[in-house]
PDB file of all heavy atoms in Angstrom:
ATOM      1  N   ARG A   1       0.836  -1.197   0.001  1.00  0.00           N
ATOM      2  CA  ARG A   1       0.002  -0.001   0.001  1.00  0.00           C
ATOM      3  C   ARG A   1       0.878   1.247  -0.003  1.00  0.00           C
ATOM      4  O   ARG A   1       1.915   1.282   0.659  1.00  0.00           O
ATOM      5  CB  ARG A   1      -0.894   0.023   1.244  1.00  0.00           C
ATOM      6  CG  ARG A   1      -1.888   1.177   1.287  1.00  0.00           C
ATOM      7  CD  ARG A   1      -2.688   1.176   2.594  1.00  0.00           C
ATOM      8  NE  ARG A   1      -1.889   1.580   3.732  1.00  0.00           N
ATOM      9  CZ  ARG A   1      -1.507   0.774   4.708  1.00  0.00           C
ATOM     10  NH1 ARG A   1      -1.855  -0.495   4.688  1.00  0.00           N
ATOM     11  NH2 ARG A   1      -0.778   1.214   5.712  1.00  0.00           N
ATOM     12  N   ILE A   2       0.470   2.249  -0.750  1.00  0.00           N
ATOM     13  CA  ILE A   2       1.147   3.544  -0.746  1.00  0.00           C
ATOM     14  C   ILE A   2       0.086   4.622  -0.534  1.00  0.00           C
ATOM     15  O   ILE A   2      -0.918   4.650  -1.240  1.00  0.00           O
ATOM     16  CB  ILE A   2       1.905   3.831  -2.052  1.00  0.00           C
ATOM     17  CG1 ILE A   2       2.957   2.744  -2.323  1.00  0.00           C
ATOM     18  CG2 ILE A   2       2.567   5.210  -1.995  1.00  0.00           C
ATOM     19  CD1 ILE A   2       3.671   2.913  -3.645  1.00  0.00           C
ATOM     20  N   ILE A   3       0.305   5.490   0.442  1.00  0.00           N
ATOM     21  CA  ILE A   3      -0.632   6.577   0.735  1.00  0.00           C
ATOM     22  C   ILE A   3       0.147   7.882   0.825  1.00  0.00           C
ATOM     23  O   ILE A   3       1.200   7.940   1.467  1.00  0.00           O
ATOM     24  CB  ILE A   3      -1.363   6.336   2.079  1.00  0.00           C
ATOM     25  CG1 ILE A   3      -2.185   5.050   2.008  1.00  0.00           C
ATOM     26  CG2 ILE A   3      -2.257   7.523   2.438  1.00  0.00           C
ATOM     27  CD1 ILE A   3      -2.798   4.663   3.338  1.00  0.00           C
ATOM     28  N   ARG A   4      -0.367   8.928   0.185  1.00  0.00           N
ATOM     29  CA  ARG A   4       0.247  10.241   0.355  1.00  0.00           C
ATOM     30  C   ARG A   4      -0.250  10.856   1.649  1.00  0.00           C
ATOM     31  O   ARG A   4      -1.456  10.962   1.873  1.00  0.00           O
ATOM     32  CB  ARG A   4      -0.088  11.165  -0.817  1.00  0.00           C
ATOM     33  CG  ARG A   4       0.738  12.464  -0.792  1.00  0.00           C
ATOM     34  CD  ARG A   4       0.359  13.380  -1.912  1.00  0.00           C
ATOM     35  NE  ARG A   4      -0.968  13.967  -1.686  1.00  0.00           N
ATOM     36  CZ  ARG A   4      -1.616  14.667  -2.595  1.00  0.00           C
ATOM     37  NH1 ARG A   4      -1.107  14.842  -3.803  1.00  0.00           N
ATOM     38  NH2 ARG A   4      -2.820  15.172  -2.327  1.00  0.00           N
ATOM     39  N   VAL A   5       0.675  11.244   2.516  1.00  0.00           N
ATOM     40  CA  VAL A   5       0.333  11.810   3.810  1.00  0.00           C
ATOM     41  C   VAL A   5       0.151  13.319   3.721  1.00  0.00           C
ATOM     42  O   VAL A   5      -0.727  13.898   4.349  1.00  0.00           O
ATOM     43  CB  VAL A   5       1.413  11.452   4.861  1.00  0.00           C
ATOM     44  CG1 VAL A   5       1.062  12.025   6.217  1.00  0.00           C
ATOM     45  CG2 VAL A   5       1.592   9.942   4.949  1.00  0.00           C
ATOM     46  N   THR A   6       1.012  13.971   2.947  1.00  0.00           N
ATOM     47  CA  THR A   6       0.926  15.429   2.791  1.00  0.00           C
ATOM     48  C   THR A   6       1.679  15.832   1.536  1.00  0.00           C
ATOM     49  O   THR A   6       2.542  15.100   1.037  1.00  0.00           O
ATOM     50  CB  THR A   6       1.520  16.164   4.005  1.00  0.00           C
ATOM     51  OG1 THR A   6       1.312  17.564   3.861  1.00  0.00           O
ATOM     52  CG2 THR A   6       3.007  15.893   4.137  1.00  0.00           C
ATOM     53  N   LYS A   7       1.342  17.013   1.031  1.00  0.00           N
ATOM     54  CA  LYS A   7       2.097  17.563  -0.089  1.00  0.00           C
ATOM     55  C   LYS A   7       2.716  18.914   0.251  1.00  0.00           C
ATOM     56  O   LYS A   7       3.354  19.537  -0.593  1.00  0.00           O
ATOM     57  CB  LYS A   7       1.229  17.673  -1.332  1.00  0.00           C
ATOM     58  CG  LYS A   7       0.027  18.585  -1.210  1.00  0.00           C
ATOM     59  CD  LYS A   7      -0.747  18.626  -2.527  1.00  0.00           C
ATOM     60  CE  LYS A   7      -1.962  19.546  -2.421  1.00  0.00           C
ATOM     61  NZ  LYS A   7      -2.720  19.593  -3.692  1.00  0.00           N
ATOM     62  N   GLU A   8       2.500  19.388   1.486  1.00  0.00           N
ATOM     63  CA  GLU A   8       3.125  20.629   1.917  1.00  0.00           C
ATOM     64  C   GLU A   8       3.314  20.610   3.439  1.00  0.00           C
ATOM     65  O   GLU A   8       2.525  19.981   4.139  1.00  0.00           O
ATOM     66  CB  GLU A   8       2.262  21.842   1.513  1.00  0.00           C
ATOM     67  CG  GLU A   8       0.845  21.802   2.039  1.00  0.00           C
ATOM     68  CD  GLU A   8       0.029  23.009   1.594  1.00  0.00           C
ATOM     69  OE1 GLU A   8       0.418  23.668   0.614  1.00  0.00           O
ATOM     70  OE2 GLU A   8      -0.994  23.276   2.225  1.00  0.00           O
ATOM     71  N   PRO A   9       4.356  21.198   3.986  1.00  0.00           N
ATOM     72  CA  PRO A   9       5.406  21.945   3.290  1.00  0.00           C
ATOM     73  C   PRO A   9       6.408  21.044   2.570  1.00  0.00           C
ATOM     74  O   PRO A   9       7.263  21.519   1.851  1.00  0.00           O
ATOM     75  CB  PRO A   9       6.080  22.707   4.438  1.00  0.00           C
ATOM     76  CG  PRO A   9       5.930  21.793   5.606  1.00  0.00           C
ATOM     77  CD  PRO A   9       4.573  21.159   5.445  1.00  0.00           C
ATOM     78  N   VAL A  10       6.299  19.739   2.791  1.00  0.00           N
ATOM     79  CA  VAL A  10       7.114  18.768   2.073  1.00  0.00           C
ATOM     80  C   VAL A  10       6.181  17.687   1.558  1.00  0.00           C
ATOM     81  O   VAL A  10       5.027  17.583   1.969  1.00  0.00           O
ATOM     82  CB  VAL A  10       8.202  18.141   2.979  1.00  0.00           C
ATOM     83  CG1 VAL A  10       9.210  19.161   3.423  1.00  0.00           C
ATOM     84  CG2 VAL A  10       7.560  17.424   4.173  1.00  0.00           C
ATOM     85  N   LEU A  11       6.688  16.860   0.670  1.00  0.00           N
ATOM     86  CA  LEU A  11       5.953  15.679   0.241  1.00  0.00           C
ATOM     87  C   LEU A  11       6.238  14.545   1.210  1.00  0.00           C
ATOM     88  O   LEU A  11       7.386  14.359   1.634  1.00  0.00           O
ATOM     89  CB  LEU A  11       6.376  15.269  -1.165  1.00  0.00           C
ATOM     90  CG  LEU A  11       5.730  16.016  -2.333  1.00  0.00           C
ATOM     91  CD1 LEU A  11       6.476  15.701  -3.626  1.00  0.00           C
ATOM     92  CD2 LEU A  11       4.261  15.634  -2.463  1.00  0.00           C
ATOM     93  N   ALA A  12       5.212  13.777   1.557  1.00  0.00           N
ATOM     94  CA  ALA A  12       5.403  12.625   2.431  1.00  0.00           C
ATOM     95  C   ALA A  12       4.480  11.506   1.969  1.00  0.00           C
ATOM     96  O   ALA A  12       3.290  11.714   1.767  1.00  0.00           O
ATOM     97  CB  ALA A  12       5.116  12.981   3.886  1.00  0.00           C
ATOM     98  N   TYR A  13       5.063  10.325   1.772  1.00  0.00           N
ATOM     99  CA  TYR A  13       4.319   9.143   1.379  1.00  0.00           C
ATOM    100  C   TYR A  13       4.587   8.027   2.384  1.00  0.00           C
ATOM    101  O   TYR A  13       5.714   7.883   2.876  1.00  0.00           O
ATOM    102  CB  TYR A  13       4.715   8.662  -0.013  1.00  0.00           C
ATOM    103  CG  TYR A  13       4.285   9.567  -1.134  1.00  0.00           C
ATOM    104  CD1 TYR A  13       5.103  10.587  -1.584  1.00  0.00           C
ATOM    105  CD2 TYR A  13       3.045   9.394  -1.755  1.00  0.00           C
ATOM    106  CE1 TYR A  13       4.717  11.421  -2.619  1.00  0.00           C
ATOM    107  CE2 TYR A  13       2.649  10.229  -2.785  1.00  0.00           C
ATOM    108  CZ  TYR A  13       3.493  11.244  -3.231  1.00  0.00           C
ATOM    109  OH  TYR A  13       3.085  12.057  -4.243  1.00  0.00           O
ATOM    110  N   GLU A  14       3.566   7.236   2.642  1.00  0.00           N
ATOM    111  CA  GLU A  14       3.665   6.116   3.575  1.00  0.00           C
ATOM    112  C   GLU A  14       3.524   4.815   2.786  1.00  0.00           C
ATOM    113  O   GLU A  14       2.521   4.613   2.087  1.00  0.00           O
ATOM    114  CB  GLU A  14       2.557   6.240   4.615  1.00  0.00           C
ATOM    115  CG  GLU A  14       2.616   5.245   5.735  1.00  0.00           C
ATOM    116  CD  GLU A  14       1.523   5.515   6.765  1.00  0.00           C
ATOM    117  OE1 GLU A  14       1.699   6.458   7.568  1.00  0.00           O
ATOM    118  OE2 GLU A  14       0.491   4.813   6.736  1.00  0.00           O
ATOM    119  N   LEU A  15       4.536   3.937   2.889  1.00  0.00           N
ATOM    120  CA  LEU A  15       4.543   2.676   2.165  1.00  0.00           C
ATOM    121  C   LEU A  15       4.479   1.522   3.163  1.00  0.00           C
ATOM    122  O   LEU A  15       5.339   1.424   4.052  1.00  0.00           O
ATOM    123  CB  LEU A  15       5.807   2.522   1.315  1.00  0.00           C
ATOM    124  CG  LEU A  15       5.931   3.382   0.049  1.00  0.00           C
ATOM    125  CD1 LEU A  15       6.166   4.852   0.379  1.00  0.00           C
ATOM    126  CD2 LEU A  15       7.083   2.862  -0.816  1.00  0.00           C
ATOM    127  N   ALA A  16       3.465   0.666   3.035  1.00  0.00           N
ATOM    128  CA  ALA A  16       3.395  -0.544   3.854  1.00  0.00           C
ATOM    129  C   ALA A  16       4.044  -1.668   3.056  1.00  0.00           C
ATOM    130  O   ALA A  16       3.637  -1.967   1.929  1.00  0.00           O
ATOM    131  CB  ALA A  16       1.942  -0.890   4.169  1.00  0.00           C
ATOM    132  N   ILE A  17       5.078  -2.273   3.632  1.00  0.00           N
ATOM    133  CA  ILE A  17       5.865  -3.281   2.923  1.00  0.00           C
ATOM    134  C   ILE A  17       5.871  -4.575   3.725  1.00  0.00           C
ATOM    135  O   ILE A  17       6.298  -4.594   4.891  1.00  0.00           O
ATOM    136  CB  ILE A  17       7.319  -2.809   2.705  1.00  0.00           C
ATOM    137  CG1 ILE A  17       7.343  -1.417   2.052  1.00  0.00           C
ATOM    138  CG2 ILE A  17       8.079  -3.813   1.849  1.00  0.00           C
ATOM    139  CD1 ILE A  17       8.736  -0.824   1.932  1.00  0.00           C
ATOM    140  N   SER A  18       5.407  -5.675   3.136  1.00  0.00           N
ATOM    141  CA  SER A  18       5.490  -6.975   3.785  1.00  0.00           C
ATOM    142  C   SER A  18       6.788  -7.646   3.352  1.00  0.00           C
ATOM    143  O   SER A  18       7.239  -7.506   2.208  1.00  0.00           O
ATOM    144  CB  SER A  18       4.289  -7.851   3.404  1.00  0.00           C
ATOM    145  OG  SER A  18       4.175  -7.975   1.995  1.00  0.00           O
ATOM    146  N   CYS A  19       7.404  -8.377   4.277  1.00  0.00           N
ATOM    147  CA  CYS A  19       8.695  -9.001   3.992  1.00  0.00           C
ATOM    148  C   CYS A  19       8.979 -10.087   5.022  1.00  0.00           C
ATOM    149  O   CYS A  19       8.488 -10.026   6.145  1.00  0.00           O
ATOM    150  CB  CYS A  19       9.811  -7.962   4.023  1.00  0.00           C
ATOM    151  SG  CYS A  19       9.963  -7.150   5.626  1.00  0.00           S
ATOM    152  N   PRO A  20       9.788 -11.091   4.669  1.00  0.00           N
ATOM    153  CA  PRO A  20      10.103 -12.158   5.623  1.00  0.00           C
ATOM    154  C   PRO A  20      11.129 -11.761   6.677  1.00  0.00           C
ATOM    155  O   PRO A  20      11.153 -12.315   7.770  1.00  0.00           O
ATOM    156  CB  PRO A  20      10.632 -13.280   4.727  1.00  0.00           C
ATOM    157  CG  PRO A  20      11.150 -12.591   3.507  1.00  0.00           C
ATOM    158  CD  PRO A  20      10.277 -11.390   3.307  1.00  0.00           C
ATOM    159  N   ASP A  21      12.014 -10.815   6.357  1.00  0.00           N
ATOM    160  CA  ASP A  21      13.076 -10.412   7.293  1.00  0.00           C
ATOM    161  C   ASP A  21      13.030  -8.900   7.461  1.00  0.00           C
ATOM    162  O   ASP A  21      13.647  -8.146   6.695  1.00  0.00           O
ATOM    163  CB  ASP A  21      14.443 -10.858   6.770  1.00  0.00           C
ATOM    164  CG  ASP A  21      15.562 -10.643   7.774  1.00  0.00           C
ATOM    165  OD1 ASP A  21      15.382  -9.838   8.717  1.00  0.00           O
ATOM    166  OD2 ASP A  21      16.627 -11.280   7.628  1.00  0.00           O
ATOM    167  N   ARG A  22      12.325  -8.445   8.484  1.00  0.00           N
ATOM    168  CA  ARG A  22      12.143  -7.004   8.669  1.00  0.00           C
ATOM    169  C   ARG A  22      13.451  -6.303   9.009  1.00  0.00           C
ATOM    170  O   ARG A  22      13.673  -5.168   8.588  1.00  0.00           O
ATOM    171  CB  ARG A  22      11.112  -6.750   9.768  1.00  0.00           C
ATOM    172  CG  ARG A  22       9.708  -7.106   9.358  1.00  0.00           C
ATOM    173  CD  ARG A  22       8.676  -6.628  10.334  1.00  0.00           C
ATOM    174  NE  ARG A  22       8.684  -7.348  11.594  1.00  0.00           N
ATOM    175  CZ  ARG A  22       7.692  -7.305  12.472  1.00  0.00           C
ATOM    176  NH1 ARG A  22       6.613  -6.585  12.227  1.00  0.00           N
ATOM    177  NH2 ARG A  22       7.759  -7.976  13.605  1.00  0.00           N
ATOM    178  N   THR A  23      14.300  -6.947   9.786  1.00  0.00           N
ATOM    179  CA  THR A  23      15.550  -6.304  10.191  1.00  0.00           C
ATOM    180  C   THR A  23      16.444  -6.026   8.994  1.00  0.00           C
ATOM    181  O   THR A  23      16.991  -4.920   8.844  1.00  0.00           O
ATOM    182  CB  THR A  23      16.303  -7.172  11.204  1.00  0.00           C
ATOM    183  OG1 THR A  23      15.466  -7.386  12.358  1.00  0.00           O
ATOM    184  CG2 THR A  23      17.592  -6.510  11.638  1.00  0.00           C
ATOM    185  N   ALA A  24      16.586  -7.025   8.115  1.00  0.00           N
ATOM    186  CA  ALA A  24      17.434  -6.840   6.933  1.00  0.00           C
ATOM    187  C   ALA A  24      16.863  -5.773   6.012  1.00  0.00           C
ATOM    188  O   ALA A  24      17.603  -4.943   5.464  1.00  0.00           O
ATOM    189  CB  ALA A  24      17.578  -8.177   6.192  1.00  0.00           C
ATOM    190  N   LEU A  25      15.544  -5.779   5.830  1.00  0.00           N
ATOM    191  CA  LEU A  25      14.921  -4.776   4.965  1.00  0.00           C
ATOM    192  C   LEU A  25      15.059  -3.380   5.560  1.00  0.00           C
ATOM    193  O   LEU A  25      15.339  -2.409   4.850  1.00  0.00           O
ATOM    194  CB  LEU A  25      13.454  -5.111   4.732  1.00  0.00           C
ATOM    195  CG  LEU A  25      12.670  -4.107   3.872  1.00  0.00           C
ATOM    196  CD1 LEU A  25      13.305  -3.975   2.489  1.00  0.00           C
ATOM    197  CD2 LEU A  25      11.214  -4.519   3.754  1.00  0.00           C
ATOM    198  N   ARG A  26      14.876  -3.277   6.873  1.00  0.00           N
ATOM    199  CA  ARG A  26      15.027  -1.984   7.541  1.00  0.00           C
ATOM    200  C   ARG A  26      16.415  -1.409   7.293  1.00  0.00           C
ATOM    201  O   ARG A  26      16.565  -0.240   6.911  1.00  0.00           O
ATOM    202  CB  ARG A  26      14.791  -2.128   9.040  1.00  0.00           C
ATOM    203  CG  ARG A  26      15.142  -0.890   9.852  1.00  0.00           C
ATOM    204  CD  ARG A  26      15.174  -1.208  11.327  1.00  0.00           C
ATOM    205  NE  ARG A  26      15.602  -0.069  12.121  1.00  0.00           N
ATOM    206  CZ  ARG A  26      16.855   0.293  12.326  1.00  0.00           C
ATOM    207  NH1 ARG A  26      17.844  -0.425  11.777  1.00  0.00           N
ATOM    208  NH2 ARG A  26      17.161   1.347  13.052  1.00  0.00           N
ATOM    209  N   ASP A  27      17.440  -2.218   7.522  1.00  0.00           N
ATOM    210  CA  ASP A  27      18.816  -1.743   7.345  1.00  0.00           C
ATOM    211  C   ASP A  27      19.074  -1.318   5.901  1.00  0.00           C
ATOM    212  O   ASP A  27      19.751  -0.323   5.647  1.00  0.00           O
ATOM    213  CB  ASP A  27      19.806  -2.831   7.765  1.00  0.00           C
ATOM    214  CG  ASP A  27      19.769  -3.118   9.264  1.00  0.00           C
ATOM    215  OD1 ASP A  27      19.198  -2.283  10.007  1.00  0.00           O
ATOM    216  OD2 ASP A  27      20.289  -4.170   9.680  1.00  0.00           O
ATOM    217  N   ALA A  28      18.519  -2.092   4.963  1.00  0.00           N
ATOM    218  CA  ALA A  28      18.727  -1.785   3.547  1.00  0.00           C
ATOM    219  C   ALA A  28      18.022  -0.485   3.153  1.00  0.00           C
ATOM    220  O   ALA A  28      18.569   0.324   2.396  1.00  0.00           O
ATOM    221  CB  ALA A  28      18.230  -2.937   2.688  1.00  0.00           C
ATOM    222  N   LEU A  29      16.831  -0.274   3.683  1.00  0.00           N
ATOM    223  CA  LEU A  29      16.104   0.959   3.365  1.00  0.00           C
ATOM    224  C   LEU A  29      16.814   2.188   3.926  1.00  0.00           C
ATOM    225  O   LEU A  29      16.925   3.221   3.252  1.00  0.00           O
ATOM    226  CB  LEU A  29      14.683   0.877   3.913  1.00  0.00           C
ATOM    227  CG  LEU A  29      13.720  -0.064   3.195  1.00  0.00           C
ATOM    228  CD1 LEU A  29      12.430  -0.209   3.991  1.00  0.00           C
ATOM    229  CD2 LEU A  29      13.427   0.426   1.784  1.00  0.00           C
ATOM    230  N   LEU A  30      17.280   2.081   5.165  1.00  0.00           N
ATOM    231  CA  LEU A  30      17.986   3.214   5.766  1.00  0.00           C
ATOM    232  C   LEU A  30      19.288   3.510   5.036  1.00  0.00           C
ATOM    233  O   LEU A  30      19.701   4.661   4.893  1.00  0.00           O
ATOM    234  CB  LEU A  30      18.245   2.941   7.251  1.00  0.00           C
ATOM    235  CG  LEU A  30      17.002   2.885   8.138  1.00  0.00           C
ATOM    236  CD1 LEU A  30      17.366   2.520   9.563  1.00  0.00           C
ATOM    237  CD2 LEU A  30      16.254   4.217   8.108  1.00  0.00           C
TER     238      LEU A  30
END
C-alpha cells in the first residue's frame, strides 16, 4: 500500500511493505 500523507510543506508518502526479514529490509532501506 502507498498513501500520500501530505504535499506541503514537504511531500510525504507512507509505504506498507510486507517481507520475511524485517531487520534486513530496515537496514537496507535506511
